Amino acid sequence: MKYLLDSLTKLGIQPRQAEVYLACLELGSATIQELAQKSKVKRTSIYNFLEEMKNLGLLTEIKKNKKLLLAPENPETVLKRAQERLNEVQKALPEILSIFNRPTKKPKVRFYQGLEGLRAAYADYSVPDGKIYGFTDYEKMFETLPEDFLWQAGPEARVKNKCFFYCIAKDGPKGRLIKDKDQQQLRKTRLVPDIDFETEINIYENKVSLISFRKPYAAVIIEDKAIAQTMKSIWNLVWNSIR
């Protein structure tokens, strides 16, 4: 099974999506509950990336006896689509390389989408022995993002890398809950009333990340020394004004 999972992830399929796809292949067609039991992937997680799997052509919805089921795409078709995407990239490679080799001082910008994209963005700023300076609104985060994701995506990676987080956050029940866990999660939180963030902003190294709490979820990471320094100066002004 691990060999099959590894093969699918090499096609650009996320590990948990690969587990769900393999489970669906074995079952033939199934409900989300049945897929969760078979794949050992949480049902809430499957709901979060289901649209992405359908867009990738891994699963399709079918109706059977007035019941909505998920059916797997033929593996040969999945492989063919992956090959087509590779061919498109290869055709564009000369132009991509010309841009890459061109001297420039433009900021580097990376874009991520979906929960797996947010996970990648959070992993980027958990630099070993580093420091992160951020603005966030935990009240909004807990309203829109899955709770298990919130406890895992950011804090676990940071603690593992001994990366400290200085956070300016909205005061509220969730903000205070997070603040209570500051010591164990390598964080110092200062709470501020009467603010409303729809986007989390984090400043680290020469980068600034912006993470949207709204579905379908998105993150942007800008790598530019001047932008990072400017944002850090703004952050310092706010941090030092909080008592």
C-alpha atoms as a PDB file:
ATOM      1  CA  MET A   1       0.000   0.000   0.000  1.00  0.00           C
ATOM      2  CA  LYS A   2       2.834   2.411   0.822  1.00  0.00           C
ATOM      3  CA  TYR A   3       4.303   1.852  -2.646  1.00  0.00           C
ATOM      4  CA  LEU A   4       0.961   2.798  -4.217  1.00  0.00           C
ATOM      5  CA  LEU A   5       0.668   5.890  -2.006  1.00  0.00           C
ATOM      6  CA  ASP A   6       4.208   6.953  -2.923  1.00  0.00           C
ATOM      7  CA  SER A   7       3.426   6.495  -6.615  1.00  0.00           C
ATOM      8  CA  LEU A   8       0.329   8.681  -6.405  1.00  0.00           C
ATOM      9  CA  THR A   9       2.067  11.439  -4.439  1.00  0.00           C
ATOM     10  CA  LYS A  10       4.749  11.543  -7.141  1.00  0.00           C
ATOM     11  CA  LEU A  11       1.938  12.540  -9.523  1.00  0.00           C
ATOM     12  CA  GLY A  12       1.320  15.604  -7.351  1.00  0.00           C
ATOM     13  CA  ILE A  13      -1.579  14.114  -5.360  1.00  0.00           C
ATOM     14  CA  GLN A  14      -1.570  14.991  -1.649  1.00  0.00           C
ATOM     15  CA  PRO A  15      -0.988  11.986   0.694  1.00  0.00           C
ATOM     16  CA  ARG A  16      -4.427  12.061   2.351  1.00  0.00           C
ATOM     17  CA  GLN A  17      -6.117  12.502  -1.017  1.00  0.00           C
ATOM     18  CA  ALA A  18      -4.162   9.489  -2.282  1.00  0.00           C
ATOM     19  CA  GLU A  19      -5.369   7.427   0.696  1.00  0.00           C
ATOM     20  CA  VAL A  20      -8.981   8.376  -0.029  1.00  0.00           C
ATOM     21  CA  TYR A  21      -8.570   7.629  -3.753  1.00  0.00           C
ATOM     22  CA  LEU A  22      -7.102   4.163  -3.059  1.00  0.00           C
ATOM     23  CA  ALA A  23      -9.918   3.447  -0.607  1.00  0.00           C
ATOM     24  CA  CYS A  24     -12.456   4.438  -3.248  1.00  0.00           C
ATOM     25  CA  LEU A  25     -10.765   2.169  -5.805  1.00  0.00           C
ATOM     26  CA  GLU A  26     -11.151  -0.768  -3.405  1.00  0.00           C
ATOM     27  CA  LEU A  27     -14.773   0.033  -2.548  1.00  0.00           C
ATOM     28  CA  GLY A  28     -15.816   0.852  -6.112  1.00  0.00           C
ATOM     29  CA  SER A  29     -18.251   3.530  -4.981  1.00  0.00           C
ATOM     30  CA  ALA A  30     -18.897   4.750  -1.476  1.00  0.00           C
ATOM     31  CA  THR A  31     -20.284   7.429   0.805  1.00  0.00           C
ATOM     32  CA  ILE A  32     -17.915   9.852   2.513  1.00  0.00           C
ATOM     33  CA  GLN A  33     -18.495   8.012   5.786  1.00  0.00           C
ATOM     34  CA  GLU A  34     -17.449   4.714   4.179  1.00  0.00           C
ATOM     35  CA  LEU A  35     -14.379   6.358   2.629  1.00  0.00           C
ATOM     36  CA  ALA A  36     -13.398   7.818   5.998  1.00  0.00           C
ATOM     37  CA  GLN A  37     -13.647   4.398   7.665  1.00  0.00           C
ATOM     38  CA  LYS A  38     -11.720   2.650   4.904  1.00  0.00           C
ATOM     39  CA  SER A  39      -8.972   5.266   4.437  1.00  0.00           C
ATOM     40  CA  LYS A  40      -8.642   6.258   8.134  1.00  0.00           C
ATOM     41  CA  VAL A  41      -8.871   9.912   6.985  1.00  0.00           C
ATOM     42  CA  LYS A  42     -11.281  12.063   9.001  1.00  0.00           C
ATOM     43  CA  ARG A  43     -14.610  12.747   7.352  1.00  0.00           C
ATOM     44  CA  THR A  44     -14.232  16.504   7.961  1.00  0.00           C
ATOM     45  CA  SER A  45     -10.858  16.411   6.191  1.00  0.00           C
ATOM     46  CA  ILE A  46     -12.387  14.632   3.184  1.00  0.00           C
ATOM     47  CA  TYR A  47     -15.084  17.322   2.943  1.00  0.00           C
ATOM     48  CA  ASN A  48     -12.357  19.987   2.989  1.00  0.00           C
ATOM     49  CA  PHE A  49     -10.476  18.633  -0.040  1.00  0.00           C
ATOM     50  CA  LEU A  50     -13.317  16.845  -1.863  1.00  0.00           C
ATOM     51  CA  GLU A  51     -13.798  19.622  -4.441  1.00  0.00           C
ATOM     52  CA  GLU A  52     -10.072  19.607  -5.150  1.00  0.00           C
ATOM     53  CA  MET A  53     -10.150  15.829  -5.747  1.00  0.00           C
ATOM     54  CA  LYS A  54     -13.081  16.250  -8.122  1.00  0.00           C
ATOM     55  CA  ASN A  55     -11.274  19.041  -9.954  1.00  0.00           C
ATOM     56  CA  LEU A  56      -8.219  16.796 -10.296  1.00  0.00           C
ATOM     57  CA  GLY A  57     -10.421  14.131 -11.858  1.00  0.00           C
ATOM     58  CA  LEU A  58      -9.813  11.601  -9.073  1.00  0.00           C
ATOM     59  CA  LEU A  59     -13.434  11.230  -7.953  1.00  0.00           C
ATOM     60  CA  THR A  60     -16.860  11.815  -9.443  1.00  0.00           C
ATOM     61  CA  GLU A  61     -20.270  12.037  -7.794  1.00  0.00           C
ATOM     62  CA  ILE A  62     -22.966   9.548  -8.792  1.00  0.00           C
ATOM     63  CA  LYS A  63     -26.525   8.985  -7.634  1.00  0.00           C
ATOM     64  CA  LYS A  64     -27.654   5.491  -6.760  1.00  0.00           C
ATOM     65  CA  ASN A  65     -31.089   4.789  -5.318  1.00  0.00           C
ATOM     66  CA  LYS A  66     -31.433   8.484  -4.387  1.00  0.00           C
ATOM     67  CA  LYS A  67     -28.119   8.237  -2.541  1.00  0.00           C
ATOM     68  CA  LEU A  68     -25.101  10.379  -3.402  1.00  0.00           C
ATOM     69  CA  LEU A  69     -21.949   8.307  -3.788  1.00  0.00           C
ATOM     70  CA  LEU A  70     -18.353   8.945  -4.826  1.00  0.00           C
ATOM     71  CA  ALA A  71     -16.768   6.834  -7.547  1.00  0.00           C
ATOM     72  CA  PRO A  72     -13.074   6.672  -8.487  1.00  0.00           C
ATOM     73  CA  GLU A  73     -11.729   7.692 -11.871  1.00  0.00           C
ATOM     74  CA  ASN A  74      -9.896   4.997 -13.846  1.00  0.00           C
ATOM     75  CA  PRO A  75      -6.196   5.031 -12.779  1.00  0.00           C
ATOM     76  CA  GLU A  76      -5.131   5.057 -16.437  1.00  0.00           C
ATOM     77  CA  THR A  77      -7.109   8.270 -16.928  1.00  0.00           C
ATOM     78  CA  VAL A  78      -5.491   9.804 -13.831  1.00  0.00           C
ATOM     79  CA  LEU A  79      -2.042   8.924 -15.190  1.00  0.00           C
ATOM     80  CA  LYS A  80      -2.928  10.299 -18.627  1.00  0.00           C
ATOM     81  CA  ARG A  81      -4.028  13.632 -17.140  1.00  0.00           C
ATOM     82  CA  ALA A  82      -0.826  13.856 -15.086  1.00  0.00           C
ATOM     83  CA  GLN A  83       1.184  13.239 -18.260  1.00  0.00           C
ATOM     84  CA  GLU A  84      -0.767  15.948 -20.084  1.00  0.00           C
ATOM     85  CA  ARG A  85       0.002  18.437 -17.293  1.00  0.00           C
ATOM     86  CA  LEU A  86       3.684  17.485 -17.469  1.00  0.00           C
ATOM     87  CA  ASN A  87       3.679  17.996 -21.239  1.00  0.00           C
ATOM     88  CA  GLU A  88       2.173  21.474 -20.796  1.00  0.00           C
ATOM     89  CA  VAL A  89       4.898  22.416 -18.309  1.00  0.00           C
ATOM     90  CA  GLN A  90       7.632  21.053 -20.612  1.00  0.00           C
ATOM     91  CA  LYS A  91       6.304  23.168 -23.483  1.00  0.00           C
ATOM     92  CA  ALA A  92       6.448  26.284 -21.309  1.00  0.00           C
ATOM     93  CA  LEU A  93       9.853  25.422 -19.792  1.00  0.00           C
ATOM     94  CA  PRO A  94      12.010  27.549 -22.172  1.00  0.00           C
ATOM     95  CA  GLU A  95       9.968  30.663 -21.358  1.00  0.00           C
ATOM     96  CA  ILE A  96       9.992  29.846 -17.622  1.00  0.00           C
ATOM     97  CA  LEU A  97      13.776  29.467 -17.680  1.00  0.00           C
ATOM     98  CA  SER A  98      14.189  32.771 -19.486  1.00  0.00           C
ATOM     99  CA  ILE A  99      12.263  34.491 -16.686  1.00  0.00           C
ATOM    100  CA  PHE A 100      14.220  32.625 -14.000  1.00  0.00           C
ATOM    101  CA  ASN A 101      17.592  33.633 -15.474  1.00  0.00           C
ATOM    102  CA  ARG A 102      16.628  37.284 -15.995  1.00  0.00           C
ATOM    103  CA  PRO A 103      18.277  39.629 -13.455  1.00  0.00           C
ATOM    104  CA  THR A 104      15.586  41.280 -11.372  1.00  0.00           C
ATOM    105  CA  LYS A 105      14.915  42.903  -8.044  1.00  0.00           C
ATOM    106  CA  LYS A 106      11.221  42.188  -8.138  1.00  0.00           C
ATOM    107  CA  PRO A 107       9.680  40.583  -5.028  1.00  0.00           C
ATOM    108  CA  LYS A 108       9.165  36.845  -5.282  1.00  0.00           C
ATOM    109  CA  VAL A 109       5.527  35.886  -4.805  1.00  0.00           C
ATOM    110  CA  ARG A 110       4.112  32.410  -4.168  1.00  0.00           C
ATOM    111  CA  PHE A 111       0.418  31.544  -4.057  1.00  0.00           C
ATOM    112  CA  TYR A 112      -1.229  28.626  -2.233  1.00  0.00           C
ATOM    113  CA  GLN A 113      -4.849  27.446  -2.203  1.00  0.00           C
ATOM    114  CA  GLY A 114      -6.959  25.066  -0.121  1.00  0.00           C
ATOM    115  CA  LEU A 115      -6.162  23.582   3.272  1.00  0.00           C
ATOM    116  CA  GLU A 116      -3.139  21.708   1.946  1.00  0.00           C
ATOM    117  CA  GLY A 117      -1.884  24.997   0.524  1.00  0.00           C
ATOM    118  CA  LEU A 118      -2.278  26.667   3.923  1.00  0.00           C
ATOM    119  CA  ARG A 119      -0.383  23.782   5.508  1.00  0.00           C
ATOM    120  CA  ALA A 120       2.498  24.420   3.076  1.00  0.00           C
ATOM    121  CA  ALA A 121       2.439  28.150   3.848  1.00  0.00           C
ATOM    122  CA  TYR A 122       2.556  27.537   7.601  1.00  0.00           C
ATOM    123  CA  ALA A 123       5.427  25.083   7.124  1.00  0.00           C
ATOM    124  CA  ASP A 124       7.407  27.730   5.200  1.00  0.00           C
ATOM    125  CA  TYR A 125       7.513  30.202   8.059  1.00  0.00           C
ATOM    126  CA  SER A 126       8.369  27.646  10.732  1.00  0.00           C
ATOM    127  CA  VAL A 127      12.081  28.208  10.176  1.00  0.00           C
ATOM    128  CA  PRO A 128      14.518  26.440  12.556  1.00  0.00           C
ATOM    129  CA  ASP A 129      15.411  28.635  15.551  1.00  0.00           C
ATOM    130  CA  GLY A 130      13.644  31.542  13.858  1.00  0.00           C
ATOM    131  CA  LYS A 131      11.231  34.253  14.961  1.00  0.00           C
ATOM    132  CA  ILE A 132       7.848  35.169  13.529  1.00  0.00           C
ATOM    133  CA  TYR A 133       5.962  38.420  14.095  1.00  0.00           C
ATOM    134  CA  GLY A 134       2.274  38.271  13.326  1.00  0.00           C
ATOM    135  CA  PHE A 135      -1.196  39.786  13.352  1.00  0.00           C
ATOM    136  CA  THR A 136      -4.167  37.438  13.592  1.00  0.00           C
ATOM    137  CA  ASP A 137      -7.767  37.029  14.729  1.00  0.00           C
ATOM    138  CA  TYR A 138      -8.296  33.672  16.423  1.00  0.00           C
ATOM    139  CA  GLU A 139     -12.013  34.368  16.760  1.00  0.00           C
ATOM    140  CA  LYS A 140     -12.319  34.388  12.945  1.00  0.00           C
ATOM    141  CA  MET A 141      -9.882  31.499  12.505  1.00  0.00           C
ATOM    142  CA  PHE A 142     -11.862  29.158  14.762  1.00  0.00           C
ATOM    143  CA  GLU A 143     -15.084  30.140  12.972  1.00  0.00           C
ATOM    144  CA  THR A 144     -13.844  29.127   9.530  1.00  0.00           C
ATOM    145  CA  LEU A 145     -10.870  26.755   9.753  1.00  0.00           C
ATOM    146  CA  PRO A 146     -11.128  23.157  11.071  1.00  0.00           C
ATOM    147  CA  GLU A 147     -10.087  23.071  14.723  1.00  0.00           C
ATOM    148  CA  ASP A 148      -7.768  20.058  14.333  1.00  0.00           C
ATOM    149  CA  PHE A 149      -5.997  21.890  11.505  1.00  0.00           C
ATOM    150  CA  LEU A 150      -5.468  24.974  13.684  1.00  0.00           C
ATOM    151  CA  TRP A 151      -3.766  23.023  16.439  1.00  0.00           C
ATOM    152  CA  GLN A 152      -1.568  21.058  14.034  1.00  0.00           C
ATOM    153  CA  ALA A 153      -0.590  23.180  11.027  1.00  0.00           C
ATOM    154  CA  GLY A 154       1.100  26.082  12.804  1.00  0.00           C
ATOM    155  CA  PRO A 155       2.072  25.215  16.404  1.00  0.00           C
ATOM    156  CA  GLU A 156       3.369  21.677  15.813  1.00  0.00           C
ATOM    157  CA  ALA A 157       5.737  22.704  13.027  1.00  0.00           C
ATOM    158  CA  ARG A 158       7.011  25.716  14.976  1.00  0.00           C
ATOM    159  CA  VAL A 159       7.636  23.770  18.201  1.00  0.00           C
ATOM    160  CA  LYS A 160       9.460  21.093  16.238  1.00  0.00           C
ATOM    161  CA  ASN A 161      11.741  23.736  14.685  1.00  0.00           C
ATOM    162  CA  LYS A 162      12.073  25.772  17.914  1.00  0.00           C
ATOM    163  CA  CYS A 163      10.605  28.761  16.102  1.00  0.00           C
ATOM    164  CA  PHE A 164       9.172  31.464  18.398  1.00  0.00           C
ATOM    165  CA  PHE A 165       5.982  33.367  17.513  1.00  0.00           C
ATOM    166  CA  TYR A 166       5.226  36.923  18.707  1.00  0.00           C
ATOM    167  CA  CYS A 167       1.535  37.446  18.047  1.00  0.00           C
ATOM    168  CA  ILE A 168      -0.813  40.447  18.129  1.00  0.00           C
ATOM    169  CA  ALA A 169      -4.340  39.019  18.220  1.00  0.00           C
ATOM    170  CA  LYS A 170      -7.920  40.067  18.780  1.00  0.00           C
ATOM    171  CA  ASP A 171      -9.110  39.730  22.374  1.00  0.00           C
ATOM    172  CA  GLY A 172     -11.871  37.146  22.775  1.00  0.00           C
ATOM    173  CA  PRO A 173     -12.561  33.614  24.076  1.00  0.00           C
ATOM    174  CA  LYS A 174     -10.434  31.917  21.411  1.00  0.00           C
ATOM    175  CA  GLY A 175      -7.658  34.491  21.707  1.00  0.00           C
ATOM    176  CA  ARG A 176      -7.479  33.886  25.448  1.00  0.00           C
ATOM    177  CA  LEU A 177      -7.533  30.108  24.883  1.00  0.00           C
ATOM    178  CA  ILE A 178      -4.523  30.434  22.579  1.00  0.00           C
ATOM    179  CA  LYS A 179      -2.735  32.779  24.978  1.00  0.00           C
ATOM    180  CA  ASP A 180      -3.119  30.204  27.787  1.00  0.00           C
ATOM    181  CA  LYS A 181      -1.062  27.794  25.667  1.00  0.00           C
ATOM    182  CA  ASP A 182       1.680  30.304  24.833  1.00  0.00           C
ATOM    183  CA  GLN A 183       4.436  28.693  26.894  1.00  0.00           C
ATOM    184  CA  GLN A 184       3.986  25.171  25.550  1.00  0.00           C
ATOM    185  CA  GLN A 185       3.596  26.420  21.962  1.00  0.00           C
ATOM    186  CA  LEU A 186       6.608  28.790  21.898  1.00  0.00           C
ATOM    187  CA  ARG A 187       4.548  31.929  21.560  1.00  0.00           C
ATOM    188  CA  LYS A 188       3.989  35.308  23.218  1.00  0.00           C
ATOM    189  CA  THR A 189       0.545  36.745  22.573  1.00  0.00           C
ATOM    190  CA  ARG A 190      -0.708  40.253  23.200  1.00  0.00           C
ATOM    191  CA  LEU A 191      -4.467  40.665  22.898  1.00  0.00           C
ATOM    192  CA  VAL A 192      -6.133  43.790  21.528  1.00  0.00           C
ATOM    193  CA  PRO A 193      -9.879  44.590  21.618  1.00  0.00           C
ATOM    194  CA  ASP A 194     -11.847  46.201  18.801  1.00  0.00           C
ATOM    195  CA  ILE A 195      -9.869  44.908  15.819  1.00  0.00           C
ATOM    196  CA  ASP A 196     -11.183  42.817  12.954  1.00  0.00           C
ATOM    197  CA  PHE A 197      -8.729  40.812  10.854  1.00  0.00           C
ATOM    198  CA  GLU A 198      -9.925  38.783   7.864  1.00  0.00           C
ATOM    199  CA  THR A 199      -6.334  37.851   7.039  1.00  0.00           C
ATOM    200  CA  GLU A 200      -3.460  36.572   9.149  1.00  0.00           C
ATOM    201  CA  ILE A 201      -0.176  38.391   8.480  1.00  0.00           C
ATOM    202  CA  ASN A 202       3.174  36.916   9.461  1.00  0.00           C
ATOM    203  CA  ILE A 203       6.612  38.502   9.056  1.00  0.00           C
ATOM    204  CA  TYR A 204       9.716  36.307   9.135  1.00  0.00           C
ATOM    205  CA  GLU A 205      13.187  36.362   7.586  1.00  0.00           C
ATOM    206  CA  ASN A 206      12.730  38.543   4.448  1.00  0.00           C
ATOM    207  CA  LYS A 207       9.172  37.338   3.882  1.00  0.00           C
ATOM    208  CA  VAL A 208       5.595  38.347   4.572  1.00  0.00           C
ATOM    209  CA  SER A 209       2.777  35.795   4.440  1.00  0.00           C
ATOM    210  CA  LEU A 210      -0.917  36.633   4.163  1.00  0.00           C
ATOM    211  CA  ILE A 211      -3.370  33.858   4.963  1.00  0.00           C
ATOM    212  CA  SER A 212      -7.093  34.182   4.212  1.00  0.00           C
ATOM    213  CA  PHE A 213      -9.589  32.561   6.582  1.00  0.00           C
ATOM    214  CA  ARG A 214     -12.313  32.484   3.944  1.00  0.00           C
ATOM    215  CA  LYS A 215     -13.105  29.407   1.856  1.00  0.00           C
ATOM    216  CA  PRO A 216     -11.698  28.092  -0.412  1.00  0.00           C
ATOM    217  CA  TYR A 217      -8.729  29.370   1.676  1.00  0.00           C
ATOM    218  CA  ALA A 218      -5.652  30.967   0.162  1.00  0.00           C
ATOM    219  CA  ALA A 219      -2.213  32.165   1.157  1.00  0.00           C
ATOM    220  CA  VAL A 220       0.355  34.451  -0.443  1.00  0.00           C
ATOM    221  CA  ILE A 221       4.030  34.613   0.531  1.00  0.00           C
ATOM    222  CA  ILE A 222       5.989  37.673  -0.598  1.00  0.00           C
ATOM    223  CA  GLU A 223       9.775  37.494  -0.374  1.00  0.00           C
ATOM    224  CA  ASP A 224      11.250  40.990  -0.386  1.00  0.00           C
ATOM    225  CA  LYS A 225      13.565  42.567   2.185  1.00  0.00           C
ATOM    226  CA  ALA A 226      12.100  46.083   1.937  1.00  0.00           C
ATOM    227  CA  ILE A 227       8.492  44.897   2.272  1.00  0.00           C
ATOM    228  CA  ALA A 228       9.396  42.652   5.221  1.00  0.00           C
ATOM    229  CA  GLN A 229      11.253  45.472   6.986  1.00  0.00           C
ATOM    230  CA  THR A 230       8.356  47.892   6.478  1.00  0.00           C
ATOM    231  CA  MET A 231       5.819  45.408   7.822  1.00  0.00           C
ATOM    232  CA  LYS A 232       8.085  44.618  10.787  1.00  0.00           C
ATOM    233  CA  SER A 233       8.290  48.347  11.611  1.00  0.00           C
ATOM    234  CA  ILE A 234       4.484  48.593  11.578  1.00  0.00           C
ATOM    235  CA  TRP A 235       4.263  45.492  13.748  1.00  0.00           C
ATOM    236  CA  ASN A 236       6.764  46.990  16.253  1.00  0.00           C
ATOM    237  CA  LEU A 237       4.716  50.182  16.544  1.00  0.00           C
ATOM    238  CA  VAL A 238       1.592  48.194  17.426  1.00  0.00           C
ATOM    239  CA  TRP A 239       3.402  45.729  19.729  1.00  0.00           C
ATOM    240  CA  ASN A 240       5.071  48.492  21.737  1.00  0.00           C
ATOM    241  CA  SER A 241       1.784  50.386  22.119  1.00  0.00           C
ATOM    242  CA  ILE A 242       0.046  47.405  23.795  1.00  0.00           C
ATOM    243  CA  ARG A 243       0.197  47.350  27.576  1.00  0.00           C
END
